[in-house]
Amino acid sequence: MLAALAGAAWSVRRGYVAVTVVGESMSPALLPGHRVLIRRGCRGLRPGRIAVIAAPDPDPARGWRGRGPAPRDPGAAAWNIKRVAAVAGDPMPPRVAGGGERVPPGHVVVIGDRPLSQDSKQYGPCPVDQVLGVVVRRL
C-alpha cells in the first residue's frame, strides 16, 4: 500500500508543477506573484486555455525557429505564460507574424492578454515542443 502511494505521489510530481507568474502580459487574469499549477505536456491545449511556453529568441526573425524541444524542467529555461488563441488547423488569428490561412501542424498561436505582450504577434506560431504545460488552476 505504501509503495502504491509513493508511486502515485511520484506520478503527480512528474505530471504537475507549480510556477510563479512574472510580468504583466496576462493581467488582469494573472498578476505578477500569482502561482499556478500546470499539467506538463500538451494535453488540454486548446483555444482559451493558458499555457507555459519556452521564451522565444528576442530576435523576431528567429523566435522559436530552429530550436530543439524545450526542457521539461521549469528551472532549466526562461518561460512565458500566454493564452492559446488557435491550434493546428484553426484559422490564423489576425496580426500573427508569418501567418498563413491556417495554423500549421504541430504549432499553436499564443497571445498575452495585454495588447503590448510579446507573443505570436511578433514571433509567429509556437511549436508544441516548446510548451511546458497547460495551466490547470491558480493556487
N, C-alpha and C. Protein backbone atom coordinates (compact mmCIF):
# COMPACT_ATOMS: atom_id res chain seq x y z
N MET A 1 0.83 -1.20 0.00
CA MET A 1 0.00 0.00 0.00
C MET A 1 0.87 1.26 0.00
N LEU A 2 1.89 1.30 0.82
CA LEU A 2 2.76 2.45 0.90
C LEU A 2 3.50 2.67 -0.42
N ALA A 3 3.92 1.58 -1.05
CA ALA A 3 4.59 1.69 -2.35
C ALA A 3 3.66 2.28 -3.40
N ALA A 4 2.39 1.89 -3.36
CA ALA A 4 1.41 2.43 -4.32
C ALA A 4 1.23 3.93 -4.09
N LEU A 5 1.16 4.35 -2.84
CA LEU A 5 1.01 5.78 -2.54
C LEU A 5 2.26 6.55 -2.97
N ALA A 6 3.43 5.99 -2.74
CA ALA A 6 4.66 6.65 -3.16
C ALA A 6 4.71 6.76 -4.68
N GLY A 7 4.29 5.72 -5.38
CA GLY A 7 4.24 5.75 -6.85
C GLY A 7 3.27 6.80 -7.35
N ALA A 8 2.11 6.92 -6.71
CA ALA A 8 1.12 7.92 -7.11
C ALA A 8 1.66 9.33 -6.86
N ALA A 9 2.33 9.53 -5.73
CA ALA A 9 2.90 10.85 -5.43
C ALA A 9 3.97 11.20 -6.46
N TRP A 10 4.83 10.26 -6.84
CA TRP A 10 5.87 10.49 -7.85
C TRP A 10 5.22 10.87 -9.18
N SER A 11 4.16 10.16 -9.55
CA SER A 11 3.46 10.44 -10.82
C SER A 11 2.90 11.86 -10.82
N VAL A 12 2.31 12.27 -9.71
CA VAL A 12 1.74 13.62 -9.62
C VAL A 12 2.86 14.64 -9.72
N ARG A 13 3.98 14.43 -9.02
CA ARG A 13 5.10 15.38 -9.07
C ARG A 13 5.67 15.49 -10.47
N ARG A 14 5.72 14.38 -11.20
CA ARG A 14 6.27 14.41 -12.56
C ARG A 14 5.28 15.04 -13.52
N GLY A 15 3.99 14.89 -13.27
CA GLY A 15 2.97 15.36 -14.20
C GLY A 15 2.52 16.79 -13.97
N TYR A 16 2.74 17.31 -12.78
CA TYR A 16 2.29 18.66 -12.44
C TYR A 16 3.43 19.45 -11.82
N VAL A 17 3.39 20.76 -12.01
CA VAL A 17 4.39 21.63 -11.41
C VAL A 17 3.73 22.99 -11.15
N ALA A 18 4.14 23.62 -10.04
CA ALA A 18 3.65 24.97 -9.73
C ALA A 18 4.67 25.98 -10.22
N VAL A 19 4.20 27.05 -10.86
CA VAL A 19 5.08 28.11 -11.32
C VAL A 19 4.54 29.46 -10.85
N THR A 20 5.44 30.41 -10.70
CA THR A 20 5.08 31.76 -10.28
C THR A 20 5.07 32.67 -11.50
N VAL A 21 4.03 33.46 -11.63
CA VAL A 21 3.90 34.40 -12.75
C VAL A 21 4.83 35.58 -12.54
N VAL A 22 5.59 35.91 -13.57
CA VAL A 22 6.47 37.08 -13.57
C VAL A 22 6.05 37.92 -14.78
N GLY A 23 5.84 39.19 -14.60
CA GLY A 23 5.43 40.05 -15.71
C GLY A 23 3.92 40.21 -15.76
N GLU A 24 3.48 41.14 -16.59
CA GLU A 24 2.07 41.51 -16.61
C GLU A 24 1.36 41.20 -17.92
N SER A 25 1.95 40.36 -18.78
CA SER A 25 1.33 40.12 -20.09
C SER A 25 -0.01 39.40 -19.98
N MET A 26 -0.29 38.76 -18.85
CA MET A 26 -1.55 38.04 -18.69
C MET A 26 -2.52 38.74 -17.74
N SER A 27 -2.20 39.98 -17.33
CA SER A 27 -3.12 40.68 -16.43
C SER A 27 -4.33 41.19 -17.22
N PRO A 28 -5.47 41.21 -16.63
CA PRO A 28 -5.75 41.05 -15.21
C PRO A 28 -5.99 39.59 -14.78
N ALA A 29 -6.01 38.64 -15.70
CA ALA A 29 -6.28 37.24 -15.33
C ALA A 29 -5.23 36.70 -14.37
N LEU A 30 -3.96 36.96 -14.65
CA LEU A 30 -2.85 36.53 -13.80
C LEU A 30 -1.92 37.70 -13.59
N LEU A 31 -1.59 37.96 -12.34
CA LEU A 31 -0.73 39.08 -11.99
C LEU A 31 0.63 38.58 -11.51
N PRO A 32 1.66 39.45 -11.55
CA PRO A 32 2.96 39.03 -11.04
C PRO A 32 2.82 38.53 -9.60
N GLY A 33 3.47 37.39 -9.33
CA GLY A 33 3.41 36.80 -7.99
C GLY A 33 2.36 35.72 -7.86
N HIS A 34 1.35 35.71 -8.72
CA HIS A 34 0.38 34.62 -8.68
C HIS A 34 1.09 33.31 -8.95
N ARG A 35 0.63 32.25 -8.32
CA ARG A 35 1.17 30.91 -8.59
C ARG A 35 0.09 30.10 -9.29
N VAL A 36 0.51 29.33 -10.26
CA VAL A 36 -0.42 28.48 -11.00
C VAL A 36 0.09 27.05 -11.02
N LEU A 37 -0.82 26.11 -11.08
CA LEU A 37 -0.49 24.70 -11.23
C LEU A 37 -0.63 24.36 -12.69
N ILE A 38 0.42 23.77 -13.26
CA ILE A 38 0.34 23.37 -14.66
C ILE A 38 0.48 21.86 -14.77
N ARG A 39 -0.23 21.31 -15.74
CA ARG A 39 -0.07 19.90 -16.11
C ARG A 39 0.93 19.86 -17.24
N ARG A 40 2.01 19.14 -17.05
CA ARG A 40 3.06 19.07 -18.07
C ARG A 40 2.52 18.43 -19.34
N GLY A 41 3.03 18.89 -20.46
CA GLY A 41 2.63 18.34 -21.76
C GLY A 41 1.56 19.17 -22.42
N CYS A 42 1.06 18.66 -23.54
CA CYS A 42 0.13 19.41 -24.38
C CYS A 42 -1.32 18.97 -24.25
N ARG A 43 -1.57 17.99 -23.42
CA ARG A 43 -2.95 17.53 -23.25
C ARG A 43 -3.81 18.68 -22.73
N GLY A 44 -4.93 18.93 -23.34
CA GLY A 44 -5.80 20.02 -22.94
C GLY A 44 -5.45 21.35 -23.58
N LEU A 45 -4.50 21.35 -24.51
CA LEU A 45 -4.10 22.58 -25.20
C LEU A 45 -5.15 22.93 -26.23
N ARG A 46 -5.91 23.99 -25.97
CA ARG A 46 -6.97 24.42 -26.88
C ARG A 46 -7.21 25.91 -26.69
N PRO A 47 -7.85 26.55 -27.65
CA PRO A 47 -8.08 27.99 -27.54
C PRO A 47 -8.76 28.37 -26.22
N GLY A 48 -8.25 29.43 -25.64
CA GLY A 48 -8.79 29.92 -24.38
C GLY A 48 -8.01 29.45 -23.17
N ARG A 49 -7.32 28.33 -23.27
CA ARG A 49 -6.51 27.82 -22.15
C ARG A 49 -5.22 28.62 -22.06
N ILE A 50 -4.62 28.63 -20.89
CA ILE A 50 -3.36 29.33 -20.67
C ILE A 50 -2.25 28.28 -20.62
N ALA A 51 -1.16 28.56 -21.32
CA ALA A 51 -0.04 27.61 -21.40
C ALA A 51 1.26 28.28 -20.97
N VAL A 52 2.18 27.47 -20.48
CA VAL A 52 3.54 27.92 -20.18
C VAL A 52 4.41 27.42 -21.32
N ILE A 53 5.09 28.35 -21.98
CA ILE A 53 5.89 28.04 -23.17
C ILE A 53 7.30 28.58 -23.01
N ALA A 54 8.24 27.98 -23.71
CA ALA A 54 9.62 28.49 -23.70
C ALA A 54 9.63 29.90 -24.28
N ALA A 55 10.41 30.76 -23.66
CA ALA A 55 10.55 32.12 -24.16
C ALA A 55 11.23 32.08 -25.53
N PRO A 56 10.72 32.82 -26.50
CA PRO A 56 11.35 32.82 -27.83
C PRO A 56 12.65 33.62 -27.82
N ASP A 57 13.45 33.42 -28.85
CA ASP A 57 14.64 34.24 -29.05
C ASP A 57 14.15 35.68 -29.20
N PRO A 58 14.83 36.66 -28.60
CA PRO A 58 14.38 38.05 -28.71
C PRO A 58 14.30 38.57 -30.15
N ASP A 59 15.06 37.97 -31.05
CA ASP A 59 15.04 38.39 -32.45
C ASP A 59 13.80 37.79 -33.13
N PRO A 60 12.83 38.62 -33.53
CA PRO A 60 11.61 38.09 -34.15
C PRO A 60 11.87 37.23 -35.39
N ALA A 61 13.00 37.44 -36.07
CA ALA A 61 13.30 36.61 -37.23
C ALA A 61 13.61 35.17 -36.82
N ARG A 62 14.04 34.98 -35.56
CA ARG A 62 14.35 33.63 -35.08
C ARG A 62 13.22 33.07 -34.25
N GLY A 63 12.75 33.82 -33.27
CA GLY A 63 11.65 33.37 -32.42
C GLY A 63 11.88 31.98 -31.88
N TRP A 64 10.96 31.06 -32.20
CA TRP A 64 11.08 29.66 -31.76
C TRP A 64 11.71 28.78 -32.83
N ARG A 65 12.07 29.35 -33.99
CA ARG A 65 12.58 28.54 -35.10
C ARG A 65 13.97 27.96 -34.81
N GLY A 66 14.18 26.75 -35.32
CA GLY A 66 15.49 26.13 -35.25
C GLY A 66 15.91 25.66 -33.87
N ARG A 67 14.99 25.49 -32.97
CA ARG A 67 15.30 25.04 -31.62
C ARG A 67 14.95 23.56 -31.46
N GLY A 68 15.65 22.92 -30.56
CA GLY A 68 15.25 21.59 -30.16
C GLY A 68 14.09 21.70 -29.19
N PRO A 69 13.53 20.58 -28.78
CA PRO A 69 12.44 20.62 -27.81
C PRO A 69 12.86 21.34 -26.53
N ALA A 70 11.92 22.05 -25.94
CA ALA A 70 12.18 22.77 -24.69
C ALA A 70 12.42 21.76 -23.57
N PRO A 71 13.25 22.12 -22.57
CA PRO A 71 13.47 21.21 -21.44
C PRO A 71 12.18 21.03 -20.65
N ARG A 72 12.08 19.93 -19.96
CA ARG A 72 10.89 19.64 -19.15
C ARG A 72 11.03 20.17 -17.73
N ASP A 73 12.20 20.69 -17.40
CA ASP A 73 12.47 21.22 -16.06
C ASP A 73 12.16 22.71 -16.03
N PRO A 74 11.23 23.15 -15.18
CA PRO A 74 10.87 24.57 -15.15
C PRO A 74 12.04 25.48 -14.81
N GLY A 75 13.06 24.96 -14.13
CA GLY A 75 14.20 25.79 -13.76
C GLY A 75 15.29 25.83 -14.82
N ALA A 76 15.11 25.08 -15.91
CA ALA A 76 16.17 24.94 -16.91
C ALA A 76 16.07 25.91 -18.08
N ALA A 77 15.05 26.74 -18.11
CA ALA A 77 14.87 27.65 -19.24
C ALA A 77 14.06 28.86 -18.79
N ALA A 78 14.01 29.87 -19.65
CA ALA A 78 13.13 31.01 -19.42
C ALA A 78 11.77 30.65 -20.01
N TRP A 79 10.72 30.93 -19.28
CA TRP A 79 9.37 30.55 -19.71
C TRP A 79 8.47 31.77 -19.78
N ASN A 80 7.48 31.69 -20.65
CA ASN A 80 6.43 32.70 -20.76
C ASN A 80 5.10 32.03 -20.48
N ILE A 81 4.15 32.83 -20.07
CA ILE A 81 2.80 32.32 -19.86
C ILE A 81 1.88 33.12 -20.75
N LYS A 82 1.13 32.42 -21.62
CA LYS A 82 0.28 33.08 -22.62
C LYS A 82 -1.00 32.28 -22.82
N ARG A 83 -1.99 32.95 -23.38
CA ARG A 83 -3.26 32.29 -23.70
C ARG A 83 -3.19 31.70 -25.11
N VAL A 84 -3.69 30.50 -25.26
CA VAL A 84 -3.74 29.85 -26.58
C VAL A 84 -4.88 30.50 -27.37
N ALA A 85 -4.54 31.02 -28.55
CA ALA A 85 -5.54 31.67 -29.40
C ALA A 85 -6.02 30.73 -30.51
N ALA A 86 -5.17 29.80 -30.93
CA ALA A 86 -5.54 28.87 -32.01
C ALA A 86 -4.59 27.68 -31.98
N VAL A 87 -5.08 26.54 -32.42
CA VAL A 87 -4.27 25.32 -32.51
C VAL A 87 -4.18 24.89 -33.97
N ALA A 88 -3.35 23.89 -34.23
CA ALA A 88 -3.14 23.40 -35.60
C ALA A 88 -4.46 23.18 -36.33
N GLY A 89 -4.54 23.72 -37.54
CA GLY A 89 -5.73 23.58 -38.36
C GLY A 89 -6.74 24.69 -38.21
N ASP A 90 -6.66 25.46 -37.11
CA ASP A 90 -7.57 26.59 -36.91
C ASP A 90 -7.17 27.73 -37.84
N PRO A 91 -8.13 28.62 -38.15
CA PRO A 91 -7.76 29.83 -38.91
C PRO A 91 -6.74 30.65 -38.12
N MET A 92 -5.79 31.21 -38.81
CA MET A 92 -4.77 32.04 -38.18
C MET A 92 -5.41 33.35 -37.72
N PRO A 93 -5.24 33.71 -36.44
CA PRO A 93 -5.79 34.99 -35.98
C PRO A 93 -5.13 36.16 -36.71
N PRO A 94 -5.82 37.29 -36.80
CA PRO A 94 -5.21 38.47 -37.43
C PRO A 94 -3.98 38.93 -36.67
N ARG A 95 -3.08 39.58 -37.36
CA ARG A 95 -1.87 40.19 -36.80
C ARG A 95 -0.81 39.20 -36.33
N VAL A 96 -0.95 37.91 -36.64
CA VAL A 96 0.07 36.95 -36.23
C VAL A 96 1.20 36.96 -37.26
N ALA A 97 2.43 37.07 -36.78
CA ALA A 97 3.60 37.13 -37.66
C ALA A 97 3.72 35.85 -38.47
N GLY A 98 4.04 36.00 -39.75
CA GLY A 98 4.24 34.84 -40.62
C GLY A 98 2.98 34.03 -40.82
N GLY A 99 1.85 34.65 -40.58
CA GLY A 99 0.59 33.92 -40.64
C GLY A 99 0.19 33.52 -42.05
N GLY A 100 -0.35 32.34 -42.16
CA GLY A 100 -0.94 31.86 -43.39
C GLY A 100 -2.43 31.79 -43.19
N GLU A 101 -3.06 30.92 -43.88
CA GLU A 101 -4.50 30.79 -43.71
C GLU A 101 -4.87 29.98 -42.49
N ARG A 102 -4.03 28.98 -42.16
CA ARG A 102 -4.30 28.08 -41.02
C ARG A 102 -3.03 27.92 -40.18
N VAL A 103 -3.24 27.61 -38.90
CA VAL A 103 -2.11 27.31 -38.02
C VAL A 103 -1.50 25.99 -38.50
N PRO A 104 -0.19 25.96 -38.72
CA PRO A 104 0.43 24.74 -39.25
C PRO A 104 0.39 23.58 -38.25
N PRO A 105 0.47 22.35 -38.75
CA PRO A 105 0.51 21.19 -37.85
C PRO A 105 1.65 21.30 -36.86
N GLY A 106 1.40 20.86 -35.62
CA GLY A 106 2.44 20.88 -34.60
C GLY A 106 2.71 22.25 -34.01
N HIS A 107 1.82 23.21 -34.20
CA HIS A 107 2.00 24.57 -33.70
C HIS A 107 0.74 25.07 -33.00
N VAL A 108 0.92 26.09 -32.17
CA VAL A 108 -0.18 26.81 -31.55
C VAL A 108 0.11 28.30 -31.66
N VAL A 109 -0.92 29.10 -31.64
CA VAL A 109 -0.77 30.55 -31.59
C VAL A 109 -1.06 30.95 -30.15
N VAL A 110 -0.10 31.69 -29.55
CA VAL A 110 -0.23 32.13 -28.17
C VAL A 110 -0.19 33.66 -28.13
N ILE A 111 -1.08 34.23 -27.35
CA ILE A 111 -1.18 35.69 -27.27
C ILE A 111 -1.44 36.08 -25.82
N GLY A 112 -0.69 37.06 -25.33
CA GLY A 112 -0.91 37.57 -23.98
C GLY A 112 -2.20 38.37 -23.93
N ASP A 113 -2.74 38.51 -22.73
CA ASP A 113 -3.98 39.27 -22.56
C ASP A 113 -3.78 40.77 -22.70
N ARG A 114 -2.56 41.27 -22.52
CA ARG A 114 -2.27 42.69 -22.67
C ARG A 114 -1.90 42.99 -24.11
N PRO A 115 -2.33 44.13 -24.65
CA PRO A 115 -2.07 44.44 -26.06
C PRO A 115 -0.60 44.50 -26.45
N LEU A 116 0.30 44.89 -25.56
CA LEU A 116 1.71 45.02 -25.91
C LEU A 116 2.53 43.77 -25.57
N SER A 117 1.85 42.68 -25.30
CA SER A 117 2.53 41.43 -24.97
C SER A 117 3.39 40.94 -26.13
N GLN A 118 4.56 40.37 -25.82
CA GLN A 118 5.43 39.76 -26.82
C GLN A 118 4.99 38.31 -26.98
N ASP A 119 4.51 37.95 -28.17
CA ASP A 119 3.89 36.64 -28.35
C ASP A 119 3.85 36.29 -29.84
N SER A 120 2.89 35.51 -30.26
CA SER A 120 2.81 35.10 -31.66
C SER A 120 2.60 36.27 -32.62
N LYS A 121 2.19 37.42 -32.10
CA LYS A 121 2.05 38.59 -32.97
C LYS A 121 3.41 38.98 -33.55
N GLN A 122 4.47 38.80 -32.77
CA GLN A 122 5.81 39.12 -33.23
C GLN A 122 6.58 37.90 -33.75
N TYR A 123 6.36 36.74 -33.13
CA TYR A 123 7.20 35.57 -33.38
C TYR A 123 6.55 34.47 -34.22
N GLY A 124 5.28 34.61 -34.51
CA GLY A 124 4.59 33.58 -35.28
C GLY A 124 4.13 32.43 -34.41
N PRO A 125 3.57 31.39 -35.02
CA PRO A 125 3.07 30.25 -34.25
C PRO A 125 4.20 29.57 -33.48
N CYS A 126 3.88 29.05 -32.31
CA CYS A 126 4.84 28.38 -31.43
C CYS A 126 4.75 26.87 -31.63
N PRO A 127 5.88 26.21 -31.87
CA PRO A 127 5.86 24.75 -31.96
C PRO A 127 5.42 24.13 -30.64
N VAL A 128 4.64 23.07 -30.68
CA VAL A 128 4.15 22.45 -29.45
C VAL A 128 5.28 21.84 -28.62
N ASP A 129 6.44 21.58 -29.22
CA ASP A 129 7.54 21.06 -28.42
C ASP A 129 8.18 22.14 -27.55
N GLN A 130 7.69 23.38 -27.65
CA GLN A 130 8.14 24.47 -26.80
C GLN A 130 7.18 24.71 -25.63
N VAL A 131 6.14 23.87 -25.51
CA VAL A 131 5.14 24.00 -24.44
C VAL A 131 5.57 23.15 -23.25
N LEU A 132 5.70 23.79 -22.07
CA LEU A 132 5.97 23.04 -20.85
C LEU A 132 4.69 22.39 -20.35
N GLY A 133 3.59 23.13 -20.39
CA GLY A 133 2.34 22.57 -19.90
C GLY A 133 1.19 23.56 -19.97
N VAL A 134 0.04 23.10 -19.52
CA VAL A 134 -1.20 23.85 -19.56
C VAL A 134 -1.64 24.17 -18.13
N VAL A 135 -2.04 25.41 -17.90
CA VAL A 135 -2.48 25.82 -16.56
C VAL A 135 -3.77 25.08 -16.21
N VAL A 136 -3.75 24.46 -15.04
CA VAL A 136 -4.92 23.74 -14.54
C VAL A 136 -5.74 24.65 -13.64
N ARG A 137 -5.02 25.40 -12.78
CA ARG A 137 -5.72 26.32 -11.87
C ARG A 137 -4.73 27.26 -11.22
N ARG A 138 -5.26 28.34 -10.70
CA ARG A 138 -4.45 29.25 -9.90
C ARG A 138 -4.39 28.73 -8.48
N LEU A 139 -3.23 28.86 -7.87
CA LEU A 139 -3.07 28.38 -6.48
C LEU A 139 -3.28 29.51 -5.49
